[in-house]
N, C-alpha and C. Protein backbone atom coordinates (compact mmCIF):
# COMPACT_ATOMS: atom_id res chain seq x y z
N MET A 1 133.27 81.08 107.89
CA MET A 1 132.90 81.89 107.32
C MET A 1 132.15 82.55 108.80
N GLN A 2 132.19 83.99 108.73
CA GLN A 2 132.01 84.79 110.31
C GLN A 2 130.12 85.17 109.99
N ILE A 3 129.51 84.50 110.47
CA ILE A 3 128.09 84.91 110.15
C ILE A 3 127.58 86.14 110.55
N GLY A 4 128.31 86.44 111.76
CA GLY A 4 127.97 87.98 112.19
C GLY A 4 128.39 88.73 111.39
N GLU A 5 129.90 89.17 110.72
CA GLU A 5 129.99 89.93 109.62
C GLU A 5 129.35 90.00 108.53
N LYS A 6 128.52 88.92 108.06
CA LYS A 6 127.65 88.76 106.80
C LYS A 6 126.50 89.36 107.17
N ILE A 7 125.85 89.02 108.45
CA ILE A 7 124.51 89.73 108.57
C ILE A 7 125.11 91.21 108.68
N LYS A 8 125.93 91.82 109.48
CA LYS A 8 125.94 93.16 109.70
C LYS A 8 126.22 93.76 108.26
N GLY A 9 126.85 93.18 107.45
CA GLY A 9 126.83 93.78 105.74
C GLY A 9 125.39 93.72 105.40
N LEU A 10 124.75 92.97 105.20
CA LEU A 10 123.49 92.67 104.88
C LEU A 10 122.64 93.74 105.60
N ARG A 11 122.42 94.15 107.07
CA ARG A 11 122.12 94.96 107.67
C ARG A 11 122.31 96.48 107.11
N ILE A 12 123.69 96.69 106.97
CA ILE A 12 124.18 97.83 106.44
C ILE A 12 123.44 98.30 105.03
N GLU A 13 123.58 97.49 103.91
CA GLU A 13 123.26 97.18 102.73
C GLU A 13 121.77 97.89 102.74
N LYS A 14 120.85 97.33 103.63
CA LYS A 14 119.55 97.38 103.61
C LYS A 14 119.14 98.51 104.65
N GLN A 15 120.23 99.31 104.98
CA GLN A 15 120.11 100.84 105.71
C GLN A 15 119.18 100.50 106.99
N LEU A 16 119.20 99.47 107.55
CA LEU A 16 118.94 99.49 109.01
C LEU A 16 120.03 99.47 110.25
N THR A 17 119.55 99.83 111.27
CA THR A 17 120.48 100.27 112.40
C THR A 17 119.97 98.82 113.05
N GLN A 18 120.78 98.28 114.22
CA GLN A 18 120.48 97.23 114.84
C GLN A 18 119.35 97.47 115.49
N GLU A 19 118.75 98.67 116.15
CA GLU A 19 117.40 98.35 116.76
C GLU A 19 116.33 98.19 115.29
N GLU A 20 116.45 98.68 114.60
CA GLU A 20 115.12 98.57 113.50
C GLU A 20 115.50 96.74 113.13
N LEU A 21 116.42 96.27 112.87
CA LEU A 21 116.41 94.85 112.63
C LEU A 21 115.93 93.96 113.92
N ALA A 22 116.29 94.21 114.84
CA ALA A 22 115.84 93.85 116.33
C ALA A 22 114.55 93.96 116.15
N ASN A 23 113.89 95.10 116.05
CA ASN A 23 112.38 95.48 116.33
C ASN A 23 111.56 94.65 115.15
N ARG A 24 112.21 94.29 114.01
CA ARG A 24 111.27 93.98 112.82
C ARG A 24 111.36 91.96 113.13
N CYS A 25 112.71 91.91 113.86
CA CYS A 25 112.80 90.26 113.90
C CYS A 25 112.14 89.99 115.45
N GLU A 26 111.58 91.17 116.16
CA GLU A 26 111.13 90.64 117.68
C GLU A 26 112.30 90.24 118.75
N LEU A 27 113.40 90.75 118.41
CA LEU A 27 114.88 90.52 118.80
C LEU A 27 115.04 91.53 119.86
N SER A 28 116.50 91.57 120.32
CA SER A 28 116.90 92.65 121.38
C SER A 28 117.88 93.30 120.42
N LYS A 29 117.95 94.47 120.47
CA LYS A 29 119.02 95.21 119.97
C LYS A 29 120.58 94.60 120.16
N GLY A 30 120.62 94.13 121.75
CA GLY A 30 121.86 93.56 122.25
C GLY A 30 121.88 92.22 121.68
N PHE A 31 120.94 91.35 121.34
CA PHE A 31 121.41 90.03 120.89
C PHE A 31 122.06 90.28 119.42
N ILE A 32 121.25 91.46 118.68
CA ILE A 32 121.76 91.38 117.07
C ILE A 32 123.37 92.31 117.27
N SER A 33 123.63 92.65 118.30
CA SER A 33 124.95 93.14 118.42
C SER A 33 125.83 92.16 118.54
N GLN A 34 125.50 91.26 119.79
CA GLN A 34 126.51 90.25 119.80
C GLN A 34 126.43 89.32 118.78
N LEU A 35 125.35 89.10 118.05
CA LEU A 35 125.66 88.30 116.73
C LEU A 35 126.29 88.58 115.66
N GLU A 36 126.47 90.18 115.61
CA GLU A 36 127.49 90.77 114.33
C GLU A 36 128.72 90.64 115.00
N ASN A 37 129.24 90.71 116.22
CA ASN A 37 130.32 90.51 116.62
C ASN A 37 130.88 89.21 117.31
N ASN A 38 129.91 88.22 116.67
CA ASN A 38 130.10 86.89 116.45
C ASN A 38 130.33 86.42 118.09
N LEU A 39 129.76 87.11 119.03
CA LEU A 39 129.55 86.40 120.75
C LEU A 39 128.56 85.55 120.97
N THR A 40 127.49 85.36 120.01
CA THR A 40 126.54 84.57 120.00
C THR A 40 126.10 83.76 119.01
N SER A 41 125.48 82.97 118.77
CA SER A 41 125.12 82.17 117.34
C SER A 41 123.48 82.08 117.30
N PRO A 42 122.70 82.29 116.40
CA PRO A 42 121.18 82.46 116.37
C PRO A 42 120.78 80.85 116.19
N SER A 43 119.51 80.40 116.67
CA SER A 43 119.10 79.30 116.38
C SER A 43 118.55 79.39 114.62
N ILE A 44 118.52 77.98 113.97
CA ILE A 44 118.07 78.16 112.98
C ILE A 44 116.87 79.16 112.45
N ALA A 45 115.70 78.68 113.35
CA ALA A 45 114.60 79.30 113.06
C ALA A 45 114.80 80.95 113.22
N THR A 46 115.78 81.67 114.12
CA THR A 46 115.91 82.96 114.48
C THR A 46 116.72 83.44 113.09
N LEU A 47 117.78 82.55 112.70
CA LEU A 47 118.60 83.04 111.46
C LEU A 47 117.92 83.27 110.29
N ILE A 48 116.67 82.19 110.21
CA ILE A 48 115.94 82.55 108.94
C ILE A 48 114.90 83.51 108.81
N ASP A 49 114.42 84.02 110.13
CA ASP A 49 113.74 85.02 110.53
C ASP A 49 114.40 86.39 109.97
N ILE A 50 115.79 86.35 110.75
CA ILE A 50 116.72 87.60 110.55
C ILE A 50 117.00 87.64 108.89
N LEU A 51 117.08 86.42 108.06
CA LEU A 51 117.78 86.66 106.68
C LEU A 51 116.36 87.01 105.95
N GLU A 52 115.22 86.80 106.48
CA GLU A 52 114.08 87.22 105.54
C GLU A 52 113.96 88.47 105.89
N ILE A 53 114.21 89.31 106.79
CA ILE A 53 114.19 90.51 107.06
C ILE A 53 114.89 91.43 106.00
N LEU A 54 116.12 90.57 105.77
CA LEU A 54 117.23 91.32 105.02
C LEU A 54 117.20 91.03 103.58
N GLY A 55 116.11 90.11 103.12
CA GLY A 55 116.02 89.97 101.72
C GLY A 55 116.70 88.79 101.08
N THR A 56 117.00 87.77 102.03
CA THR A 56 117.54 86.31 101.60
C THR A 56 117.29 85.40 102.00
N ASN A 57 117.92 84.49 101.93
CA ASN A 57 117.48 82.93 102.59
C ASN A 57 118.97 82.35 103.01
N LEU A 58 118.65 81.15 103.44
CA LEU A 58 119.56 80.43 103.85
C LEU A 58 120.45 79.62 102.68
N LYS A 59 119.93 79.33 101.79
CA LYS A 59 120.86 78.95 100.87
C LYS A 59 121.75 80.15 99.93
N GLU A 60 121.20 81.11 99.85
CA GLU A 60 121.72 82.33 99.21
C GLU A 60 122.78 83.04 100.59
N PHE A 61 122.49 82.93 101.35
CA PHE A 61 123.41 83.50 102.55
C PHE A 61 124.41 82.32 102.52
N PHE A 62 124.61 81.09 102.73
CA PHE A 62 125.70 80.41 102.78
C PHE A 62 126.01 79.93 101.46
N SER A 63 125.80 80.55 100.52
CA SER A 63 126.46 80.02 99.21
C SER A 63 127.75 80.66 99.05
N ASP A 64 128.59 79.95 98.52
CA ASP A 64 130.07 79.93 98.30
C ASP A 64 130.15 80.97 97.01
N ASP A 65 129.10 81.01 96.17
CA ASP A 65 129.14 81.98 95.22
C ASP A 65 129.09 83.12 95.38
N ASN A 66 129.47 84.43 96.01
CA ASN A 66 129.37 85.74 96.43
C ASN A 66 129.16 86.68 95.11
N GLN A 67 129.61 86.08 94.29
CA GLN A 67 129.62 87.21 92.80
C GLN A 67 128.31 87.74 92.46
N GLU A 68 128.30 88.80 92.61
CA GLU A 68 127.02 89.83 92.40
C GLU A 68 127.16 89.63 90.76
N LYS A 69 126.19 89.48 89.78
CA LYS A 69 126.35 89.86 88.70
C LYS A 69 126.20 91.09 88.36
N VAL A 70 126.95 91.31 87.34
CA VAL A 70 127.07 92.92 86.78
C VAL A 70 126.44 93.22 85.52
N THR A 71 127.24 92.58 84.78
CA THR A 71 126.87 92.61 83.44
C THR A 71 125.81 91.83 82.97
N TYR A 72 124.79 92.18 81.89
CA TYR A 72 123.69 91.09 81.38
C TYR A 72 124.29 91.33 79.81
N LYS A 73 123.94 90.07 79.43
CA LYS A 73 124.44 89.84 77.69
C LYS A 73 122.74 89.89 77.17
N ASP A 74 122.33 89.98 75.86
CA ASP A 74 121.26 89.65 75.35
C ASP A 74 120.40 88.35 75.61
N GLU A 75 121.18 87.09 75.97
CA GLU A 75 120.42 86.16 76.18
C GLU A 75 119.90 86.13 77.63
N ASP A 76 120.68 87.08 78.41
CA ASP A 76 120.13 87.29 79.82
C ASP A 76 118.64 87.51 80.17
N MET A 77 118.25 88.49 78.98
CA MET A 77 117.34 89.25 78.91
C MET A 77 116.07 88.65 78.42
N PHE A 78 114.72 88.87 78.79
CA PHE A 78 113.60 88.38 78.47
C PHE A 78 112.82 89.26 77.72
N GLU A 79 111.23 88.99 76.82
CA GLU A 79 110.54 89.83 76.32
C GLU A 79 109.30 89.50 76.44
N THR A 80 108.08 90.22 76.35
CA THR A 80 107.03 89.97 76.51
C THR A 80 106.13 91.08 75.65
N ASP A 81 105.03 90.47 75.08
CA ASP A 81 104.52 91.86 74.40
C ASP A 81 102.79 91.52 74.49
N ASN A 82 102.47 92.65 74.05
CA ASN A 82 101.08 93.02 74.35
C ASN A 82 100.28 93.58 72.79
N GLU A 83 99.86 92.37 72.21
CA GLU A 83 99.26 92.82 70.84
C GLU A 83 98.13 93.83 70.90
N ASP A 84 97.36 93.89 71.79
CA ASP A 84 95.98 94.66 71.92
C ASP A 84 96.43 96.00 72.14
N LEU A 85 97.41 96.10 73.23
CA LEU A 85 97.74 97.57 73.46
C LEU A 85 99.28 98.09 72.64
N LYS A 86 99.74 97.28 71.74
CA LYS A 86 100.82 97.17 70.98
C LYS A 86 102.45 97.63 71.36
N TYR A 87 102.54 97.15 72.33
CA TYR A 87 103.89 97.24 72.95
C TYR A 87 104.69 96.07 73.25
N LYS A 88 106.10 96.18 73.51
CA LYS A 88 106.92 94.78 73.51
C LYS A 88 107.58 95.48 74.95
N LEU A 89 107.63 94.59 75.83
CA LEU A 89 108.91 94.97 77.19
C LEU A 89 110.09 94.33 76.99
N MET A 90 111.03 94.63 77.23
CA MET A 90 112.24 93.67 77.45
C MET A 90 112.76 94.19 78.63
N TRP A 91 112.95 92.86 79.47
CA TRP A 91 113.56 93.08 80.88
C TRP A 91 115.17 93.19 81.03
N LEU A 92 115.49 94.25 81.13
CA LEU A 92 117.21 94.40 80.91
C LEU A 92 118.07 93.77 81.74
N VAL A 93 117.57 93.64 83.25
CA VAL A 93 118.24 92.90 84.36
C VAL A 93 117.43 91.56 84.61
N PRO A 94 117.50 90.56 84.70
CA PRO A 94 116.71 89.18 85.06
C PRO A 94 116.54 89.72 86.48
N ASN A 95 115.21 89.39 86.83
CA ASN A 95 114.83 89.13 88.24
C ASN A 95 114.99 90.85 89.25
N SER A 96 115.24 91.70 88.08
CA SER A 96 115.40 92.99 89.06
C SER A 96 113.77 93.40 89.80
N GLN A 97 112.84 92.62 89.69
CA GLN A 97 111.74 93.17 90.36
C GLN A 97 112.48 92.73 92.13
N LYS A 98 113.37 92.43 92.41
CA LYS A 98 113.65 92.00 93.64
C LYS A 98 114.77 92.87 94.24
N ASN A 99 114.96 93.75 93.22
CA ASN A 99 116.00 94.64 93.42
C ASN A 99 115.44 95.97 93.70
N GLN A 100 115.74 97.06 94.02
CA GLN A 100 115.34 98.56 94.19
C GLN A 100 114.75 99.32 93.08
N MET A 101 115.32 99.24 92.14
CA MET A 101 115.03 99.43 90.84
C MET A 101 114.94 98.80 89.61
N GLU A 102 113.99 98.91 88.63
CA GLU A 102 113.67 97.67 87.70
C GLU A 102 113.98 98.68 86.15
N PRO A 103 114.93 98.63 85.71
CA PRO A 103 114.83 98.91 84.13
C PRO A 103 113.98 98.02 83.09
N ILE A 104 113.59 98.62 82.08
CA ILE A 104 112.98 97.68 81.12
C ILE A 104 113.26 98.88 79.94
N MET A 105 113.35 98.12 78.62
CA MET A 105 113.10 98.85 77.27
C MET A 105 111.76 98.34 76.79
N ILE A 106 110.81 99.51 76.55
CA ILE A 106 109.69 99.23 75.93
C ILE A 106 109.60 99.76 74.66
N THR A 107 109.31 99.10 73.74
CA THR A 107 108.89 99.43 72.33
C THR A 107 107.27 99.52 71.78
N LEU A 108 107.04 100.65 71.77
CA LEU A 108 105.62 100.84 71.24
C LEU A 108 105.36 101.17 69.85
N GLU A 109 104.55 100.43 69.37
CA GLU A 109 104.22 100.42 67.86
C GLU A 109 103.31 101.72 67.67
N PRO A 110 103.12 102.30 66.53
CA PRO A 110 102.51 103.55 66.37
C PRO A 110 101.12 103.45 66.85
N ASN A 111 100.26 104.14 67.72
CA ASN A 111 99.04 104.35 68.37
C ASN A 111 99.16 103.55 69.21
N GLY A 112 100.38 102.56 69.90
CA GLY A 112 100.42 102.00 71.22
C GLY A 112 100.42 102.70 72.42
N GLN A 113 100.31 101.67 73.43
CA GLN A 113 100.28 102.74 74.75
C GLN A 113 100.85 101.50 75.69
N TYR A 114 101.42 101.78 76.68
CA TYR A 114 101.65 100.82 77.95
C TYR A 114 100.42 101.12 78.93
N ILE A 115 100.29 99.85 79.84
CA ILE A 115 99.09 99.78 80.69
C ILE A 115 99.40 101.00 81.67
N GLU A 116 98.00 101.44 81.54
CA GLU A 116 97.72 102.87 82.78
C GLU A 116 97.94 102.17 84.18
N GLU A 117 98.66 102.65 85.06
CA GLU A 117 99.22 102.53 86.15
C GLU A 117 98.45 103.51 87.49
N GLU A 118 98.30 103.16 88.38
CA GLU A 118 97.30 103.80 89.33
C GLU A 118 98.74 104.39 90.46
N PRO A 119 98.44 105.24 91.05
CA PRO A 119 99.72 106.39 91.81
C PRO A 119 100.30 105.02 92.86
N HIS A 120 101.57 105.32 93.06
CA HIS A 120 102.14 104.18 94.03
C HIS A 120 103.41 104.97 94.41
N GLU A 121 104.13 104.41 95.35
CA GLU A 121 105.21 104.83 95.96
C GLU A 121 106.68 105.03 94.80
N GLY A 122 107.59 105.77 95.17
CA GLY A 122 108.57 105.87 94.52
C GLY A 122 108.92 106.59 93.41
N GLU A 123 109.75 106.38 92.37
CA GLU A 123 110.24 107.51 91.05
C GLU A 123 110.28 106.68 90.10
N GLU A 124 109.57 107.51 88.57
CA GLU A 124 110.27 106.76 87.38
C GLU A 124 110.64 107.57 86.89
N PHE A 125 111.86 107.12 85.68
CA PHE A 125 112.84 107.91 84.89
C PHE A 125 112.58 107.05 83.55
N GLY A 126 112.63 107.83 82.55
CA GLY A 126 112.87 107.02 80.86
C GLY A 126 113.43 108.33 80.08
N TYR A 127 113.98 107.49 79.26
CA TYR A 127 115.06 107.97 78.26
C TYR A 127 114.22 107.61 76.94
N VAL A 128 113.85 108.38 75.95
CA VAL A 128 113.55 107.71 74.68
C VAL A 128 114.76 107.74 73.57
N LEU A 129 114.46 106.39 73.29
CA LEU A 129 115.94 106.27 72.17
C LEU A 129 115.22 106.13 70.65
N LEU A 130 114.06 106.15 70.63
CA LEU A 130 113.61 106.29 69.02
C LEU A 130 112.04 106.91 69.28
N GLY A 131 112.00 107.46 68.42
CA GLY A 131 110.89 108.24 68.09
C GLY A 131 109.99 109.34 68.99
N THR A 132 109.00 109.72 69.28
CA THR A 132 108.28 110.57 69.73
C THR A 132 107.37 109.88 70.86
N ILE A 133 107.31 110.00 72.26
CA ILE A 133 106.03 109.33 72.95
C ILE A 133 105.47 110.43 73.67
N THR A 134 103.81 110.09 74.37
CA THR A 134 103.33 111.07 74.93
C THR A 134 103.32 110.29 76.56
N LEU A 135 103.59 111.34 77.54
CA LEU A 135 103.98 110.83 78.85
C LEU A 135 102.37 111.51 79.33
N HIS A 136 101.69 110.60 79.64
CA HIS A 136 100.35 110.62 80.59
C HIS A 136 100.30 110.80 82.19
N LEU A 137 100.32 112.04 82.71
CA LEU A 137 100.25 112.28 84.41
C LEU A 137 99.14 112.88 84.45
N GLY A 138 98.08 111.85 85.43
CA GLY A 138 96.79 112.19 85.57
C GLY A 138 96.25 113.04 84.22
N ASP A 139 95.90 114.41 84.29
CA ASP A 139 95.00 115.33 83.38
C ASP A 139 96.05 115.74 82.03
N LYS A 140 97.37 115.82 82.88
CA LYS A 140 98.38 116.51 82.01
C LYS A 140 99.14 115.41 80.82
N LYS A 141 99.73 116.28 79.77
CA LYS A 141 100.29 115.15 78.64
C LYS A 141 101.71 115.68 78.23
N TYR A 142 102.91 115.24 78.12
CA TYR A 142 103.97 115.75 77.87
C TYR A 142 104.30 114.92 76.70
N LYS A 143 104.69 115.64 75.68
CA LYS A 143 105.50 115.20 74.59
C LYS A 143 107.21 115.03 74.85
N VAL A 144 107.39 113.97 74.82
CA VAL A 144 109.08 113.56 74.72
C VAL A 144 109.55 112.93 73.78
N LYS A 145 110.47 113.44 73.28
CA LYS A 145 111.14 113.24 71.74
C LYS A 145 112.55 112.29 72.12
N LYS A 146 113.03 111.57 70.67
CA LYS A 146 114.20 110.99 70.92
C LYS A 146 115.32 111.97 71.60
N GLY A 147 115.88 111.48 72.29
CA GLY A 147 117.04 112.19 72.88
C GLY A 147 116.55 112.76 74.22
N GLU A 148 115.41 112.68 74.49
CA GLU A 148 114.86 113.62 75.88
C GLU A 148 114.61 112.60 76.66
N SER A 149 114.40 113.31 78.06
CA SER A 149 113.86 111.78 79.07
C SER A 149 112.83 112.62 79.70
N PHE A 150 112.35 111.85 80.96
CA PHE A 150 111.11 112.20 81.82
C PHE A 150 111.58 111.70 83.25
N TYR A 151 111.38 112.43 84.20
CA TYR A 151 111.46 111.90 85.27
C TYR A 151 110.38 112.29 86.52
N TYR A 152 109.26 111.40 87.20
CA TYR A 152 108.10 112.11 88.09
C TYR A 152 107.76 110.76 89.01
N LYS A 153 107.32 111.39 90.27
CA LYS A 153 106.63 110.72 91.21
C LYS A 153 105.62 110.21 90.80
N PRO A 154 105.32 109.15 90.84
CA PRO A 154 104.09 108.64 90.16
C PRO A 154 102.68 108.66 91.58
N ARG A 155 102.32 110.09 91.53
CA ARG A 155 101.46 110.37 92.46
C ARG A 155 100.03 110.27 91.89
N VAL A 156 99.99 110.49 90.86
CA VAL A 156 98.76 110.24 89.81
C VAL A 156 98.57 109.04 89.08
N ASN A 157 97.52 108.94 88.08
CA ASN A 157 97.61 107.46 87.27
C ASN A 157 98.19 108.07 86.28
N HIS A 158 98.96 107.16 85.59
CA HIS A 158 100.36 107.25 84.44
C HIS A 158 100.49 106.13 83.35
N TYR A 159 100.92 106.90 82.21
CA TYR A 159 101.35 105.89 81.43
C TYR A 159 101.95 106.61 80.25
N ILE A 160 102.53 105.52 78.81
CA ILE A 160 103.17 106.39 78.25
C ILE A 160 102.37 106.12 76.76
N SER A 161 102.42 106.73 75.89
CA SER A 161 101.64 106.16 74.72
C SER A 161 102.70 106.72 73.30
N ASN A 162 101.96 106.17 72.23
CA ASN A 162 103.16 106.64 70.91
C ASN A 162 101.78 106.92 70.05
N PRO A 163 101.42 108.39 69.84
CA PRO A 163 100.51 108.58 68.96
C PRO A 163 101.03 109.04 67.69
N GLY A 164 102.49 108.90 67.27
CA GLY A 164 102.93 109.09 65.97
C GLY A 164 102.66 107.98 65.07
N LYS A 165 103.18 107.99 63.85
CA LYS A 165 103.37 106.85 62.90
C LYS A 165 104.33 106.03 62.80
N LEU A 166 105.57 106.35 63.52
CA LEU A 166 106.64 105.43 63.61
C LEU A 166 106.83 104.96 65.03
N GLN A 167 107.75 103.80 65.07
CA GLN A 167 107.92 103.16 66.25
C GLN A 167 108.37 104.12 67.31
N ALA A 168 108.07 103.76 68.48
CA ALA A 168 108.94 104.41 69.40
C ALA A 168 109.45 103.58 70.51
N LYS A 169 110.79 103.94 71.22
CA LYS A 169 111.65 102.90 71.86
C LYS A 169 112.01 103.96 73.26
N VAL A 170 111.72 103.40 74.30
CA VAL A 170 112.18 103.86 75.65
C VAL A 170 113.02 103.28 76.71
N ILE A 171 113.77 103.44 77.36
CA ILE A 171 114.36 102.66 78.74
C ILE A 171 113.85 103.57 79.81
N TRP A 172 112.90 102.62 80.38
CA TRP A 172 112.08 103.19 81.84
C TRP A 172 112.60 102.55 82.90
N ILE A 173 112.97 103.34 83.97
CA ILE A 173 113.33 102.81 85.13
C ILE A 173 112.40 102.93 86.49
N SER A 174 111.91 102.06 86.97
CA SER A 174 110.82 102.34 88.10
C SER A 174 111.64 101.72 89.33
N THR A 175 111.13 102.79 90.69
CA THR A 175 111.86 102.31 91.87
C THR A 175 110.63 102.77 92.74
N PRO A 176 110.02 101.69 93.57
CA PRO A 176 110.55 100.35 93.70
C PRO A 176 109.97 99.64 92.52
N PRO A 177 110.11 98.38 91.90
CA PRO A 177 109.73 97.81 90.62
C PRO A 177 108.25 97.85 90.60
N SER A 178 107.53 98.18 89.33
CA SER A 178 106.24 98.06 88.95
C SER A 178 106.19 97.29 87.91
N PHE A 179 107.17 96.82 86.98
CA PHE A 179 106.67 96.43 85.59
C PHE A 179 106.10 95.21 85.70
């Protein structure tokens, strides 16, 4: 295994320069360059620090299982529900909270709503599969029907609700993960 090449690949995937990685690890840019070119080897402690910044750990880094899971079946997904607010969440990609985006499918019963969230970094997108929902962005409300989508930067308190008499279903994607 070429440790340097693998570290370089992870660094590029995280869109970091050698200097940015070095600064975050309290190392020199030259050391990172030498490491990526397999001209030096890090101590275990230094490697652990580097891998933490790159979003992985020793076990994952040295795992022979390099296959990234691409497709997910029904049994991979899991659900939670909130009877008080009348909604059910289905995480479509397990452990997606560690990724840059998190897709869920939310089912809102009549007069149901999702939890109101405060402003945060990132972007949110939704596509209504069934029914009609109301998107609440601060003091503004938007009606979104089956076959329509919404997209916004969550700069104000926000949530979705189902004021109708029929069930509504929405694919909702948040980046960074917030569900």
